[in-house]
PDB file of all heavy atoms in Angstrom:
ATOM      1  N   THR A   1      95.809  96.949 105.724  1.00  0.00           N
ATOM      2  CA  THR A   1      96.061  96.653 107.129  1.00  0.00           C
ATOM      3  C   THR A   1      95.215  97.673 107.956  1.00  0.00           C
ATOM      4  O   THR A   1      94.991  98.781 107.521  1.00  0.00           O
ATOM      5  CB  THR A   1      97.540  96.800 107.488  1.00  0.00           C
ATOM      6  OG1 THR A   1      97.989  98.137 107.087  1.00  0.00           O
ATOM      7  CG2 THR A   1      98.372  95.794 106.786  1.00  0.00           C
ATOM      8  N   PHE A   2      94.870  97.287 109.137  1.00  0.00           N
ATOM      9  CA  PHE A   2      94.129  98.079 110.025  1.00  0.00           C
ATOM     10  C   PHE A   2      92.698  98.400 109.401  1.00  0.00           C
ATOM     11  O   PHE A   2      92.322  97.856 108.355  1.00  0.00           O
ATOM     12  CB  PHE A   2      94.890  99.386 110.437  1.00  0.00           C
ATOM     13  CG  PHE A   2      96.233  99.130 110.966  1.00  0.00           C
ATOM     14  CD1 PHE A   2      97.365  99.511 110.231  1.00  0.00           C
ATOM     15  CD2 PHE A   2      96.420  98.412 112.106  1.00  0.00           C
ATOM     16  CE1 PHE A   2      98.616  99.327 110.693  1.00  0.00           C
ATOM     17  CE2 PHE A   2      97.691  98.153 112.579  1.00  0.00           C
ATOM     18  CZ  PHE A   2      98.805  98.592 111.867  1.00  0.00           C
ATOM     19  N   SER A   3      92.035  99.299 110.044  1.00  0.00           N
ATOM     20  CA  SER A   3      90.735  99.678 109.575  1.00  0.00           C
ATOM     21  C   SER A   3      90.713 101.061 108.966  1.00  0.00           C
ATOM     22  O   SER A   3      91.480 101.931 109.406  1.00  0.00           O
ATOM     23  CB  SER A   3      89.742  99.643 110.767  1.00  0.00           C
ATOM     24  OG  SER A   3      88.516 100.247 110.445  1.00  0.00           O
ATOM     25  N   PHE A   4      89.920 101.264 107.955  1.00  0.00           N
ATOM     26  CA  PHE A   4      89.806 102.614 107.325  1.00  0.00           C
ATOM     27  C   PHE A   4      89.533 103.646 108.366  1.00  0.00           C
ATOM     28  O   PHE A   4      89.990 104.842 108.276  1.00  0.00           O
ATOM     29  CB  PHE A   4      88.676 102.601 106.289  1.00  0.00           C
ATOM     30  CG  PHE A   4      88.376 103.900 105.706  1.00  0.00           C
ATOM     31  CD1 PHE A   4      89.267 104.447 104.746  1.00  0.00           C
ATOM     32  CD2 PHE A   4      87.223 104.604 106.035  1.00  0.00           C
ATOM     33  CE1 PHE A   4      88.933 105.692 104.195  1.00  0.00           C
ATOM     34  CE2 PHE A   4      86.957 105.798 105.430  1.00  0.00           C
ATOM     35  CZ  PHE A   4      87.786 106.383 104.521  1.00  0.00           C
ATOM     36  N   SER A   5      88.825 103.319 109.434  1.00  0.00           N
ATOM     37  CA  SER A   5      88.369 104.345 110.429  1.00  0.00           C
ATOM     38  C   SER A   5      89.529 104.931 111.158  1.00  0.00           C
ATOM     39  O   SER A   5      89.382 106.040 111.701  1.00  0.00           O
ATOM     40  CB  SER A   5      87.381 103.685 111.418  1.00  0.00           C
ATOM     41  OG  SER A   5      88.066 102.696 112.168  1.00  0.00           O
ATOM     42  N   ILE A   6      90.721 104.272 111.246  1.00  0.00           N
ATOM     43  CA  ILE A   6      91.824 104.880 111.944  1.00  0.00           C
ATOM     44  C   ILE A   6      92.621 105.852 111.110  1.00  0.00           C
ATOM     45  O   ILE A   6      93.588 106.492 111.612  1.00  0.00           O
ATOM     46  CB  ILE A   6      92.779 103.793 112.554  1.00  0.00           C
ATOM     47  CG1 ILE A   6      93.451 103.031 111.401  1.00  0.00           C
ATOM     48  CG2 ILE A   6      92.010 102.887 113.474  1.00  0.00           C
ATOM     49  CD1 ILE A   6      94.863 103.499 111.123  1.00  0.00           C
ATOM     50  N   TYR A   7      92.241 106.020 109.894  1.00  0.00           N
ATOM     51  CA  TYR A   7      92.947 106.959 109.005  1.00  0.00           C
ATOM     52  C   TYR A   7      92.282 108.320 108.981  1.00  0.00           C
ATOM     53  O   TYR A   7      91.058 108.439 108.876  1.00  0.00           O
ATOM     54  CB  TYR A   7      92.959 106.417 107.564  1.00  0.00           C
ATOM     55  CG  TYR A   7      93.902 105.256 107.406  1.00  0.00           C
ATOM     56  CD1 TYR A   7      93.409 103.971 107.601  1.00  0.00           C
ATOM     57  CD2 TYR A   7      95.247 105.424 107.028  1.00  0.00           C
ATOM     58  CE1 TYR A   7      94.310 102.842 107.467  1.00  0.00           C
ATOM     59  CE2 TYR A   7      96.100 104.313 106.863  1.00  0.00           C
ATOM     60  CZ  TYR A   7      95.616 103.038 107.096  1.00  0.00           C
ATOM     61  OH  TYR A   7      96.440 101.981 106.936  1.00  0.00           O
ATOM     62  N   ASP A   8      93.067 109.373 109.207  1.00  0.00           N
ATOM     63  CA  ASP A   8      92.626 110.693 108.852  1.00  0.00           C
ATOM     64  C   ASP A   8      92.575 110.838 107.334  1.00  0.00           C
ATOM     65  O   ASP A   8      93.472 110.307 106.683  1.00  0.00           O
ATOM     66  CB  ASP A   8      93.587 111.737 109.410  1.00  0.00           C
ATOM     67  CG  ASP A   8      93.616 111.853 110.931  1.00  0.00           C
ATOM     68  OD1 ASP A   8      92.689 111.279 111.587  1.00  0.00           O
ATOM     69  OD2 ASP A   8      94.526 112.445 111.425  1.00  0.00           O
ATOM     70  N   MET A   9      91.568 111.442 106.841  1.00  0.00           N
ATOM     71  CA  MET A   9      91.457 111.676 105.423  1.00  0.00           C
ATOM     72  C   MET A   9      91.434 113.142 105.136  1.00  0.00           C
ATOM     73  O   MET A   9      90.873 113.905 105.882  1.00  0.00           O
ATOM     74  CB  MET A   9      90.133 111.048 104.908  1.00  0.00           C
ATOM     75  CG  MET A   9      89.985 109.563 105.127  1.00  0.00           C
ATOM     76  SD  MET A   9      91.288 108.578 104.336  1.00  0.00           S
ATOM     77  CE  MET A   9      90.895 108.881 102.601  1.00  0.00           C
ATOM     78  N   ALA A  10      92.074 113.526 104.036  1.00  0.00           N
ATOM     79  CA  ALA A  10      92.197 114.919 103.727  1.00  0.00           C
ATOM     80  C   ALA A  10      92.093 115.155 102.247  1.00  0.00           C
ATOM     81  O   ALA A  10      92.329 114.251 101.446  1.00  0.00           O
ATOM     82  CB  ALA A  10      93.505 115.514 104.245  1.00  0.00           C
ATOM     83  N   TRP A  11      91.809 116.354 101.836  1.00  0.00           N
ATOM     84  CA  TRP A  11      91.814 116.830 100.439  1.00  0.00           C
ATOM     85  C   TRP A  11      92.776 117.946 100.359  1.00  0.00           C
ATOM     86  O   TRP A  11      92.776 118.908 101.197  1.00  0.00           O
ATOM     87  CB  TRP A  11      90.457 117.252 100.000  1.00  0.00           C
ATOM     88  CG  TRP A  11      89.479 116.150  99.866  1.00  0.00           C
ATOM     89  CD1 TRP A  11      88.561 115.645 100.795  1.00  0.00           C
ATOM     90  CD2 TRP A  11      89.292 115.310  98.707  1.00  0.00           C
ATOM     91  NE1 TRP A  11      87.854 114.621 100.279  1.00  0.00           N
ATOM     92  CE2 TRP A  11      88.276 114.362  99.018  1.00  0.00           C
ATOM     93  CE3 TRP A  11      89.869 115.243  97.470  1.00  0.00           C
ATOM     94  CZ2 TRP A  11      87.795 113.418  98.087  1.00  0.00           C
ATOM     95  CZ3 TRP A  11      89.438 114.316  96.533  1.00  0.00           C
ATOM     96  CH2 TRP A  11      88.426 113.405  96.868  1.00  0.00           C
ATOM     97  N   PHE A  12      93.602 117.908  99.319  1.00  0.00           N
ATOM     98  CA  PHE A  12      94.504 118.989  98.974  1.00  0.00           C
ATOM     99  C   PHE A  12      94.228 119.325  97.514  1.00  0.00           C
ATOM    100  O   PHE A  12      93.580 118.567  96.774  1.00  0.00           O
ATOM    101  CB  PHE A  12      95.954 118.564  99.107  1.00  0.00           C
ATOM    102  CG  PHE A  12      96.389 118.319 100.545  1.00  0.00           C
ATOM    103  CD1 PHE A  12      96.045 117.186 101.213  1.00  0.00           C
ATOM    104  CD2 PHE A  12      97.161 119.300 101.224  1.00  0.00           C
ATOM    105  CE1 PHE A  12      96.419 116.974 102.542  1.00  0.00           C
ATOM    106  CE2 PHE A  12      97.541 119.113 102.509  1.00  0.00           C
ATOM    107  CZ  PHE A  12      97.208 117.927 103.167  1.00  0.00           C
ATOM    108  N   ARG A  13      94.703 120.459  97.058  1.00  0.00           N
ATOM    109  CA  ARG A  13      94.555 120.819  95.634  1.00  0.00           C
ATOM    110  C   ARG A  13      95.788 121.543  95.185  1.00  0.00           C
ATOM    111  O   ARG A  13      96.536 122.184  95.932  1.00  0.00           O
ATOM    112  CB  ARG A  13      93.312 121.719  95.410  1.00  0.00           C
ATOM    113  CG  ARG A  13      93.377 123.082  96.119  1.00  0.00           C
ATOM    114  CD  ARG A  13      92.031 123.783  95.987  1.00  0.00           C
ATOM    115  NE  ARG A  13      92.073 125.096  96.693  1.00  0.00           N
ATOM    116  CZ  ARG A  13      90.965 125.807  96.878  1.00  0.00           C
ATOM    117  NH1 ARG A  13      89.775 125.343  96.497  1.00  0.00           N
ATOM    118  NH2 ARG A  13      91.096 126.972  97.522  1.00  0.00           N
ATOM    119  N   GLN A  14      96.025 121.457  93.857  1.00  0.00           N
ATOM    120  CA  GLN A  14      97.195 122.041  93.264  1.00  0.00           C
ATOM    121  C   GLN A  14      96.747 122.687  91.927  1.00  0.00           C
ATOM    122  O   GLN A  14      96.393 121.996  90.976  1.00  0.00           O
ATOM    123  CB  GLN A  14      98.337 121.082  93.034  1.00  0.00           C
ATOM    124  CG  GLN A  14      99.610 121.727  92.531  1.00  0.00           C
ATOM    125  CD  GLN A  14     100.802 120.825  92.665  1.00  0.00           C
ATOM    126  OE1 GLN A  14     100.656 119.555  92.780  1.00  0.00           O
ATOM    127  NE2 GLN A  14     101.961 121.371  92.661  1.00  0.00           N
ATOM    128  N   ALA A  15      96.862 124.023  91.919  1.00  0.00           N
ATOM    129  CA  ALA A  15      96.552 124.755  90.674  1.00  0.00           C
ATOM    130  C   ALA A  15      97.776 124.876  89.837  1.00  0.00           C
ATOM    131  O   ALA A  15      98.888 124.712  90.328  1.00  0.00           O
ATOM    132  CB  ALA A  15      96.044 126.163  91.003  1.00  0.00           C
ATOM    133  N   PRO A  16      97.646 125.114  88.541  1.00  0.00           N
ATOM    134  CA  PRO A  16      98.826 125.192  87.631  1.00  0.00           C
ATOM    135  C   PRO A  16      99.788 126.245  88.106  1.00  0.00           C
ATOM    136  O   PRO A  16      99.387 127.382  88.403  1.00  0.00           O
ATOM    137  CB  PRO A  16      98.220 125.537  86.303  1.00  0.00           C
ATOM    138  CG  PRO A  16      96.822 125.028  86.347  1.00  0.00           C
ATOM    139  CD  PRO A  16      96.368 125.196  87.760  1.00  0.00           C
ATOM    140  N   GLY A  17     101.046 125.904  88.269  1.00  0.00           N
ATOM    141  CA  GLY A  17     102.077 126.801  88.666  1.00  0.00           C
ATOM    142  C   GLY A  17     102.106 127.172  90.145  1.00  0.00           C
ATOM    143  O   GLY A  17     102.875 128.057  90.557  1.00  0.00           O
ATOM    144  N   LYS A  18     101.238 126.484  90.921  1.00  0.00           N
ATOM    145  CA  LYS A  18     101.231 126.821  92.322  1.00  0.00           C
ATOM    146  C   LYS A  18     101.528 125.561  93.153  1.00  0.00           C
ATOM    147  O   LYS A  18     101.513 124.434  92.658  1.00  0.00           O
ATOM    148  CB  LYS A  18      99.812 127.318  92.743  1.00  0.00           C
ATOM    149  CG  LYS A  18      99.483 128.666  92.080  1.00  0.00           C
ATOM    150  CD  LYS A  18      98.214 129.190  92.642  1.00  0.00           C
ATOM    151  CE  LYS A  18      97.902 130.583  92.035  1.00  0.00           C
ATOM    152  NZ  LYS A  18      96.636 131.173  92.614  1.00  0.00           N
ATOM    153  N   GLU A  19     101.794 125.780  94.446  1.00  0.00           N
ATOM    154  CA  GLU A  19     102.091 124.638  95.311  1.00  0.00           C
ATOM    155  C   GLU A  19     100.806 123.941  95.742  1.00  0.00           C
ATOM    156  O   GLU A  19      99.730 124.560  95.745  1.00  0.00           O
ATOM    157  CB  GLU A  19     102.838 125.173  96.579  1.00  0.00           C
ATOM    158  CG  GLU A  19     104.223 125.702  96.289  1.00  0.00           C
ATOM    159  CD  GLU A  19     104.928 126.113  97.525  1.00  0.00           C
ATOM    160  OE1 GLU A  19     104.346 126.139  98.616  1.00  0.00           O
ATOM    161  OE2 GLU A  19     106.151 126.399  97.446  1.00  0.00           O
ATOM    162  N   ARG A  20     100.943 122.740  96.134  1.00  0.00           N
ATOM    163  CA  ARG A  20      99.784 121.984  96.620  1.00  0.00           C
ATOM    164  C   ARG A  20      99.374 122.565  97.958  1.00  0.00           C
ATOM    165  O   ARG A  20     100.219 122.806  98.794  1.00  0.00           O
ATOM    166  CB  ARG A  20     100.099 120.486  96.738  1.00  0.00           C
ATOM    167  CG  ARG A  20      98.984 119.591  96.937  1.00  0.00           C
ATOM    168  CD  ARG A  20      99.331 118.159  96.809  1.00  0.00           C
ATOM    169  NE  ARG A  20      99.943 117.829  95.501  1.00  0.00           N
ATOM    170  CZ  ARG A  20     100.199 116.542  95.093  1.00  0.00           C
ATOM    171  NH1 ARG A  20      99.931 115.564  95.947  1.00  0.00           N
ATOM    172  NH2 ARG A  20     100.721 116.359  93.939  1.00  0.00           N
ATOM    173  N   GLU A  21      98.063 122.716  98.158  1.00  0.00           N
ATOM    174  CA  GLU A  21      97.591 123.381  99.383  1.00  0.00           C
ATOM    175  C   GLU A  21      96.499 122.536 100.045  1.00  0.00           C
ATOM    176  O   GLU A  21      95.717 121.819  99.327  1.00  0.00           O
ATOM    177  CB  GLU A  21      97.041 124.822  99.092  1.00  0.00           C
ATOM    178  CG  GLU A  21      95.848 124.825  98.165  1.00  0.00           C
ATOM    179  CD  GLU A  21      95.365 126.252  97.980  1.00  0.00           C
ATOM    180  OE1 GLU A  21      95.937 127.191  98.484  1.00  0.00           O
ATOM    181  OE2 GLU A  21      94.238 126.397  97.365  1.00  0.00           O
ATOM    182  N   PHE A  22      96.378 122.709 101.340  1.00  0.00           N
ATOM    183  CA  PHE A  22      95.339 121.997 102.121  1.00  0.00           C
ATOM    184  C   PHE A  22      93.979 122.575 101.840  1.00  0.00           C
ATOM    185  O   PHE A  22      93.765 123.799 101.675  1.00  0.00           O
ATOM    186  CB  PHE A  22      95.652 122.176 103.621  1.00  0.00           C
ATOM    187  CG  PHE A  22      94.575 121.760 104.556  1.00  0.00           C
ATOM    188  CD1 PHE A  22      94.352 120.378 104.731  1.00  0.00           C
ATOM    189  CD2 PHE A  22      93.792 122.646 105.193  1.00  0.00           C
ATOM    190  CE1 PHE A  22      93.324 119.993 105.576  1.00  0.00           C
ATOM    191  CE2 PHE A  22      92.781 122.308 106.020  1.00  0.00           C
ATOM    192  CZ  PHE A  22      92.563 120.944 106.200  1.00  0.00           C
ATOM    193  N   VAL A  23      93.005 121.676 101.792  1.00  0.00           N
ATOM    194  CA  VAL A  23      91.608 122.054 101.620  1.00  0.00           C
ATOM    195  C   VAL A  23      90.736 121.690 102.847  1.00  0.00           C
ATOM    196  O   VAL A  23      90.118 122.578 103.417  1.00  0.00           O
ATOM    197  CB  VAL A  23      91.008 121.498 100.333  1.00  0.00           C
ATOM    198  CG1 VAL A  23      89.524 121.833 100.191  1.00  0.00           C
ATOM    199  CG2 VAL A  23      91.772 121.886  99.097  1.00  0.00           C
ATOM    200  N   ALA A  24      90.774 120.414 103.178  1.00  0.00           N
ATOM    201  CA  ALA A  24      89.901 119.995 104.280  1.00  0.00           C
ATOM    202  C   ALA A  24      90.403 118.602 104.769  1.00  0.00           C
ATOM    203  O   ALA A  24      91.104 117.881 104.056  1.00  0.00           O
ATOM    204  CB  ALA A  24      88.450 119.796 103.833  1.00  0.00           C
ATOM    205  N   ALA A  25      90.088 118.337 106.059  1.00  0.00           N
ATOM    206  CA  ALA A  25      90.520 117.033 106.652  1.00  0.00           C
ATOM    207  C   ALA A  25      89.455 116.572 107.622  1.00  0.00           C
ATOM    208  O   ALA A  25      88.742 117.389 108.220  1.00  0.00           O
ATOM    209  CB  ALA A  25      91.868 117.163 107.334  1.00  0.00           C
ATOM    210  N   ILE A  26      89.457 115.252 107.834  1.00  0.00           N
ATOM    211  CA  ILE A  26      88.465 114.636 108.754  1.00  0.00           C
ATOM    212  C   ILE A  26      89.146 113.478 109.473  1.00  0.00           C
ATOM    213  O   ILE A  26      89.862 112.700 108.859  1.00  0.00           O
ATOM    214  CB  ILE A  26      87.194 114.255 107.973  1.00  0.00           C
ATOM    215  CG1 ILE A  26      86.092 113.743 108.947  1.00  0.00           C
ATOM    216  CG2 ILE A  26      87.533 113.174 106.939  1.00  0.00           C
ATOM    217  CD1 ILE A  26      84.744 113.609 108.245  1.00  0.00           C
ATOM    218  N   ASP A  27      88.854 113.340 110.777  1.00  0.00           N
ATOM    219  CA  ASP A  27      89.433 112.232 111.526  1.00  0.00           C
ATOM    220  C   ASP A  27      88.359 111.171 111.800  1.00  0.00           C
ATOM    221  O   ASP A  27      87.194 111.241 111.331  1.00  0.00           O
ATOM    222  CB  ASP A  27      90.100 112.743 112.813  1.00  0.00           C
ATOM    223  CG  ASP A  27      89.138 113.211 113.834  1.00  0.00           C
ATOM    224  OD1 ASP A  27      87.873 113.054 113.682  1.00  0.00           O
ATOM    225  OD2 ASP A  27      89.583 113.752 114.864  1.00  0.00           O
ATOM    226  N   ARG A  28      88.743 110.181 112.567  1.00  0.00           N
ATOM    227  CA  ARG A  28      87.836 109.005 112.799  1.00  0.00           C
ATOM    228  C   ARG A  28      86.554 109.400 113.528  1.00  0.00           C
ATOM    229  O   ARG A  28      85.586 108.717 113.337  1.00  0.00           O
ATOM    230  CB  ARG A  28      88.570 108.002 113.617  1.00  0.00           C
ATOM    231  CG  ARG A  28      88.906 108.380 115.047  1.00  0.00           C
ATOM    232  CD  ARG A  28      89.370 107.222 115.920  1.00  0.00           C
ATOM    233  NE  ARG A  28      90.728 106.803 115.545  1.00  0.00           N
ATOM    234  CZ  ARG A  28      91.302 105.691 116.064  1.00  0.00           C
ATOM    235  NH1 ARG A  28      90.629 104.921 116.815  1.00  0.00           N
ATOM    236  NH2 ARG A  28      92.495 105.413 115.725  1.00  0.00           N
ATOM    237  N   SER A  29      86.613 110.472 114.276  1.00  0.00           N
ATOM    238  CA  SER A  29      85.396 110.910 115.007  1.00  0.00           C
ATOM    239  C   SER A  29      84.591 111.921 114.220  1.00  0.00           C
ATOM    240  O   SER A  29      83.622 112.460 114.746  1.00  0.00           O
ATOM    241  CB  SER A  29      85.806 111.544 116.350  1.00  0.00           C
ATOM    242  OG  SER A  29      86.520 112.734 116.143  1.00  0.00           O
ATOM    243  N   SER A  30      85.021 112.127 112.966  1.00  0.00           N
ATOM    244  CA  SER A  30      84.386 113.115 112.049  1.00  0.00           C
ATOM    245  C   SER A  30      84.632 114.523 112.465  1.00  0.00           C
ATOM    246  O   SER A  30      83.885 115.433 112.042  1.00  0.00           O
ATOM    247  CB  SER A  30      82.917 112.801 111.818  1.00  0.00           C
ATOM    248  OG  SER A  30      82.754 111.620 111.110  1.00  0.00           O
ATOM    249  N   ALA A  31      85.611 114.775 113.319  1.00  0.00           N
ATOM    250  CA  ALA A  31      86.053 116.135 113.490  1.00  0.00           C
ATOM    251  C   ALA A  31      86.691 116.626 112.230  1.00  0.00           C
ATOM    252  O   ALA A  31      87.366 115.840 111.522  1.00  0.00           O
ATOM    253  CB  ALA A  31      87.113 116.209 114.632  1.00  0.00           C
ATOM    254  N   THR A  32      86.503 117.868 111.926  1.00  0.00           N
ATOM    255  CA  THR A  32      86.958 118.434 110.646  1.00  0.00           C
ATOM    256  C   THR A  32      87.784 119.662 110.784  1.00  0.00           C
ATOM    257  O   THR A  32      87.694 120.376 111.834  1.00  0.00           O
ATOM    258  CB  THR A  32      85.765 118.686 109.747  1.00  0.00           C
ATOM    259  OG1 THR A  32      84.888 119.639 110.396  1.00  0.00           O
ATOM    260  CG2 THR A  32      84.976 117.479 109.406  1.00  0.00           C
ATOM    261  N   ARG A  33      88.579 119.952 109.772  1.00  0.00           N
ATOM    262  CA  ARG A  33      89.286 121.188 109.665  1.00  0.00           C
ATOM    263  C   ARG A  33      89.252 121.651 108.222  1.00  0.00           C
ATOM    264  O   ARG A  33      89.249 120.796 107.314  1.00  0.00           O
ATOM    265  CB  ARG A  33      90.767 121.061 110.099  1.00  0.00           C
ATOM    266  CG  ARG A  33      90.904 120.739 111.624  1.00  0.00           C
ATOM    267  CD  ARG A  33      92.344 120.696 112.062  1.00  0.00           C
ATOM    268  NE  ARG A  33      92.933 122.029 112.019  1.00  0.00           N
ATOM    269  CZ  ARG A  33      94.222 122.264 112.414  1.00  0.00           C
ATOM    270  NH1 ARG A  33      94.933 121.271 112.857  1.00  0.00           N
ATOM    271  NH2 ARG A  33      94.758 123.492 112.319  1.00  0.00           N
ATOM    272  N   TYR A  34      89.150 122.948 108.008  1.00  0.00           N
ATOM    273  CA  TYR A  34      89.049 123.504 106.686  1.00  0.00           C
ATOM    274  C   TYR A  34      90.049 124.648 106.453  1.00  0.00           C
ATOM    275  O   TYR A  34      90.367 125.388 107.425  1.00  0.00           O
ATOM    276  CB  TYR A  34      87.656 124.014 106.415  1.00  0.00           C
ATOM    277  CG  TYR A  34      86.587 123.008 106.424  1.00  0.00           C
ATOM    278  CD1 TYR A  34      85.876 122.653 107.564  1.00  0.00           C
ATOM    279  CD2 TYR A  34      86.286 122.257 105.227  1.00  0.00           C
ATOM    280  CE1 TYR A  34      84.905 121.682 107.515  1.00  0.00           C
ATOM    281  CE2 TYR A  34      85.269 121.322 105.175  1.00  0.00           C
ATOM    282  CZ  TYR A  34      84.597 121.014 106.348  1.00  0.00           C
ATOM    283  OH  TYR A  34      83.611 120.041 106.340  1.00  0.00           O
ATOM    284  N   ALA A  35      90.450 124.814 105.222  1.00  0.00           N
ATOM    285  CA  ALA A  35      91.187 126.006 104.866  1.00  0.00           C
ATOM    286  C   ALA A  35      90.238 127.205 104.964  1.00  0.00           C
ATOM    287  O   ALA A  35      89.035 127.040 104.684  1.00  0.00           O
ATOM    288  CB  ALA A  35      91.708 125.910 103.433  1.00  0.00           C
ATOM    289  N   ASP A  36      90.710 128.334 105.384  1.00  0.00           N
ATOM    290  CA  ASP A  36      89.798 129.477 105.527  1.00  0.00           C
ATOM    291  C   ASP A  36      89.083 129.846 104.235  1.00  0.00           C
ATOM    292  O   ASP A  36      87.943 130.295 104.250  1.00  0.00           O
ATOM    293  CB  ASP A  36      90.656 130.688 105.993  1.00  0.00           C
ATOM    294  CG  ASP A  36      91.111 130.588 107.427  1.00  0.00           C
ATOM    295  OD1 ASP A  36      90.526 129.761 108.186  1.00  0.00           O
ATOM    296  OD2 ASP A  36      92.047 131.351 107.804  1.00  0.00           O
ATOM    297  N   SER A  37      89.752 129.619 103.134  1.00  0.00           N
ATOM    298  CA  SER A  37      89.192 129.999 101.845  1.00  0.00           C
ATOM    299  C   SER A  37      87.950 129.165 101.458  1.00  0.00           C
ATOM    300  O   SER A  37      87.165 129.591 100.583  1.00  0.00           O
ATOM    301  CB  SER A  37      90.225 129.911 100.752  1.00  0.00           C
ATOM    302  OG  SER A  37      90.692 128.530 100.606  1.00  0.00           O
ATOM    303  N   VAL A  38      87.738 128.014 102.068  1.00  0.00           N
ATOM    304  CA  VAL A  38      86.598 127.151 101.674  1.00  0.00           C
ATOM    305  C   VAL A  38      85.564 126.986 102.787  1.00  0.00           C
ATOM    306  O   VAL A  38      84.556 126.352 102.574  1.00  0.00           O
ATOM    307  CB  VAL A  38      87.098 125.727 101.239  1.00  0.00           C
ATOM    308  CG1 VAL A  38      88.188 125.933 100.162  1.00  0.00           C
ATOM    309  CG2 VAL A  38      87.628 124.967 102.383  1.00  0.00           C
ATOM    310  N   LYS A  39      85.800 127.548 103.935  1.00  0.00           N
ATOM    311  CA  LYS A  39      84.876 127.375 105.088  1.00  0.00           C
ATOM    312  C   LYS A  39      83.474 127.975 104.672  1.00  0.00           C
ATOM    313  O   LYS A  39      83.402 129.016 104.061  1.00  0.00           O
ATOM    314  CB  LYS A  39      85.398 128.165 106.328  1.00  0.00           C
ATOM    315  CG  LYS A  39      86.499 127.466 107.014  1.00  0.00           C
ATOM    316  CD  LYS A  39      86.961 128.262 108.229  1.00  0.00           C
ATOM    317  CE  LYS A  39      88.072 127.542 108.963  1.00  0.00           C
ATOM    318  NZ  LYS A  39      88.594 128.314 110.122  1.00  0.00           N
ATOM    319  N   GLY A  40      82.502 127.171 104.995  1.00  0.00           N
ATOM    320  CA  GLY A  40      81.123 127.571 104.660  1.00  0.00           C
ATOM    321  C   GLY A  40      80.671 127.152 103.247  1.00  0.00           C
ATOM    322  O   GLY A  40      79.508 127.225 102.990  1.00  0.00           O
TER     323      GLY A  40
END
């Protein structure tokens, strides 16, 4: 339903024994956000 373009897409990661954490996200206009640890 709807178009892929209206979905924000994100990546998370989970290391063994740790909680799942945010890595990066992108919206329909290709604005982005990153975890500080992966910026650059």
